C-alpha atoms as a PDB file:
ATOM      1  CA  UNK A   1      29.929 -54.027 -47.347  1.00  0.00           C
ATOM      2  CA  UNK A   2      26.701 -54.227 -45.187  1.00  0.00           C
ATOM      3  CA  UNK A   3      25.630 -51.300 -43.202  1.00  0.00           C
ATOM      4  CA  UNK A   4      25.440 -51.986 -39.539  1.00  0.00           C
ATOM      5  CA  UNK A   5      22.159 -51.027 -37.953  1.00  0.00           C
ATOM      6  CA  UNK A   6      23.695 -49.916 -34.480  1.00  0.00           C
ATOM      7  CA  UNK A   7      26.469 -48.016 -36.188  1.00  0.00           C
ATOM      8  CA  UNK A   8      23.936 -46.168 -38.346  1.00  0.00           C
ATOM      9  CA  UNK A   9      21.889 -45.373 -35.126  1.00  0.00           C
ATOM     10  CA  UNK A  10      24.808 -43.916 -33.445  1.00  0.00           C
ATOM     11  CA  UNK A  11      25.614 -41.940 -36.391  1.00  0.00           C
ATOM     12  CA  UNK A  12      22.018 -40.412 -36.601  1.00  0.00           C
ATOM     13  CA  UNK A  13      22.287 -39.506 -32.924  1.00  0.00           C
ATOM     14  CA  UNK A  14      25.630 -38.111 -33.242  1.00  0.00           C
ATOM     15  CA  UNK A  15      24.078 -35.745 -36.099  1.00  0.00           C
ATOM     16  CA  UNK A  16      21.345 -34.835 -33.449  1.00  0.00           C
ATOM     17  CA  UNK A  17      18.474 -36.990 -34.604  1.00  0.00           C
ATOM     18  CA  UNK A  18      16.705 -39.600 -32.642  1.00  0.00           C
ATOM     19  CA  UNK A  19      16.309 -43.060 -34.298  1.00  0.00           C
ATOM     20  CA  UNK A  20      14.768 -45.644 -32.310  1.00  0.00           C
ATOM     21  CA  UNK A  21      15.545 -49.422 -32.936  1.00  0.00           C
ATOM     22  CA  UNK A  22      13.486 -52.213 -31.156  1.00  0.00           C
ATOM     23  CA  UNK A  23      14.186 -55.934 -31.580  1.00  0.00           C
ATOM     24  CA  UNK A  24      11.034 -58.139 -30.871  1.00  0.00           C
ATOM     25  CA  UNK A  25      10.186 -61.423 -31.703  1.00  0.00           C
ATOM     26  CA  UNK A  26      12.033 -62.006 -34.779  1.00  0.00           C
ATOM     27  CA  UNK A  27      11.496 -58.430 -36.060  1.00  0.00           C
ATOM     28  CA  UNK A  28      13.196 -55.166 -36.096  1.00  0.00           C
ATOM     29  CA  UNK A  29      11.252 -51.930 -35.678  1.00  0.00           C
ATOM     30  CA  UNK A  30      12.867 -48.797 -36.666  1.00  0.00           C
ATOM     31  CA  UNK A  31      11.545 -45.250 -36.165  1.00  0.00           C
ATOM     32  CA  UNK A  32      12.914 -41.815 -37.134  1.00  0.00           C
ATOM     33  CA  UNK A  33      10.524 -39.013 -36.260  1.00  0.00           C
ATOM     34  CA  UNK A  34       6.914 -39.946 -37.438  1.00  0.00           C
ATOM     35  CA  UNK A  35       8.340 -42.406 -39.935  1.00  0.00           C
ATOM     36  CA  UNK A  36       8.630 -46.174 -39.029  1.00  0.00           C
ATOM     37  CA  UNK A  37       9.229 -49.405 -40.721  1.00  0.00           C
ATOM     38  CA  UNK A  38       9.553 -53.043 -39.631  1.00  0.00           C
ATOM     39  CA  UNK A  39      11.859 -55.769 -40.894  1.00  0.00           C
ATOM     40  CA  UNK A  40      12.582 -59.390 -40.209  1.00  0.00           C
ATOM     41  CA  UNK A  41      15.374 -60.005 -37.788  1.00  0.00           C
ATOM     42  CA  UNK A  42      17.421 -61.198 -40.757  1.00  0.00           C
ATOM     43  CA  UNK A  43      17.082 -57.599 -42.419  1.00  0.00           C
ATOM     44  CA  UNK A  44      19.177 -55.671 -40.124  1.00  0.00           C
ATOM     45  CA  UNK A  45      21.058 -54.020 -43.066  1.00  0.00           C
ATOM     46  CA  UNK A  46      18.030 -53.110 -44.710  1.00  0.00           C
ATOM     47  CA  UNK A  47      16.714 -51.643 -41.715  1.00  0.00           C
ATOM     48  CA  UNK A  48      20.085 -49.505 -41.439  1.00  0.00           C
ATOM     49  CA  UNK A  49      19.637 -48.653 -45.336  1.00  0.00           C
ATOM     50  CA  UNK A  50      16.121 -47.385 -44.358  1.00  0.00           C
ATOM     51  CA  UNK A  51      17.203 -45.176 -41.483  1.00  0.00           C
ATOM     52  CA  UNK A  52      19.842 -43.720 -43.671  1.00  0.00           C
ATOM     53  CA  UNK A  53      17.275 -42.913 -46.446  1.00  0.00           C
ATOM     54  CA  UNK A  54      14.767 -41.635 -44.103  1.00  0.00           C
ATOM     55  CA  UNK A  55      17.294 -39.234 -42.577  1.00  0.00           C
ATOM     56  CA  UNK A  56      18.466 -37.871 -45.987  1.00  0.00           C
ATOM     57  CA  UNK A  57      14.881 -37.389 -47.403  1.00  0.00           C
ATOM     58  CA  UNK A  58      13.342 -36.197 -44.266  1.00  0.00           C
ATOM     59  CA  UNK A  59      15.882 -34.419 -42.516  1.00  0.00           C
ATOM     60  CA  UNK A  60      18.203 -32.787 -45.414  1.00  0.00           C
ATOM     61  CA  UNK A  61      19.311 -30.240 -42.947  1.00  0.00           C
ATOM     62  CA  UNK A  62      20.786 -32.581 -40.520  1.00  0.00           C
ATOM     63  CA  UNK A  63      24.568 -32.996 -40.275  1.00  0.00           C
ATOM     64  CA  UNK A  64      24.091 -36.945 -41.529  1.00  0.00           C
ATOM     65  CA  UNK A  65      22.235 -35.628 -44.539  1.00  0.00           C
ATOM     66  CA  UNK A  66      24.746 -32.903 -45.305  1.00  0.00           C
ATOM     67  CA  UNK A  67      27.625 -35.333 -45.119  1.00  0.00           C
ATOM     68  CA  UNK A  68      25.910 -37.967 -47.329  1.00  0.00           C
ATOM     69  CA  UNK A  69      25.154 -35.189 -49.960  1.00  0.00           C
ATOM     70  CA  UNK A  70      28.551 -33.809 -49.736  1.00  0.00           C
ATOM     71  CA  UNK A  71      30.078 -37.161 -50.433  1.00  0.00           C
ATOM     72  CA  UNK A  72      27.532 -37.796 -53.346  1.00  0.00           C
ATOM     73  CA  UNK A  73      28.592 -34.553 -54.773  1.00  0.00           C
ATOM     74  CA  UNK A  74      32.382 -35.262 -54.683  1.00  0.00           C
ATOM     75  CA  UNK A  75      31.818 -38.686 -55.935  1.00  0.00           C
ATOM     76  CA  UNK A  76      30.189 -37.198 -59.015  1.00  0.00           C
ATOM     77  CA  UNK A  77      26.585 -38.403 -58.512  1.00  0.00           C
ATOM     78  CA  UNK A  78      24.386 -40.247 -55.993  1.00  0.00           C
ATOM     79  CA  UNK A  79      25.429 -42.717 -53.465  1.00  0.00           C
ATOM     80  CA  UNK A  80      23.087 -45.618 -53.303  1.00  0.00           C
ATOM     81  CA  UNK A  81      21.216 -46.566 -50.019  1.00  0.00           C
ATOM     82  CA  UNK A  82      21.475 -50.181 -50.297  1.00  0.00           C
ATOM     83  CA  UNK A  83      24.078 -51.985 -48.552  1.00  0.00           C
ATOM     84  CA  UNK A  84      26.457 -53.937 -50.660  1.00  0.00           C
END
């Protein structure tokens, strides 16, 4: 299952983070804090994965990262960031 960009954005906002997603001329620009990346418009799932990874790595105290890490612990290892 592929991660949905706008669901990921909403989850991060619910956790108190401020992601930004901009769609422009065939590209998707995503930001979280001082971090940003650009993907082609066909790579929305990769942009969502990037936002999730960025949140866990750069905001480990956030509710989103804490949930991610708790789920990884319960599952006995790391949860991959890539969409399936």
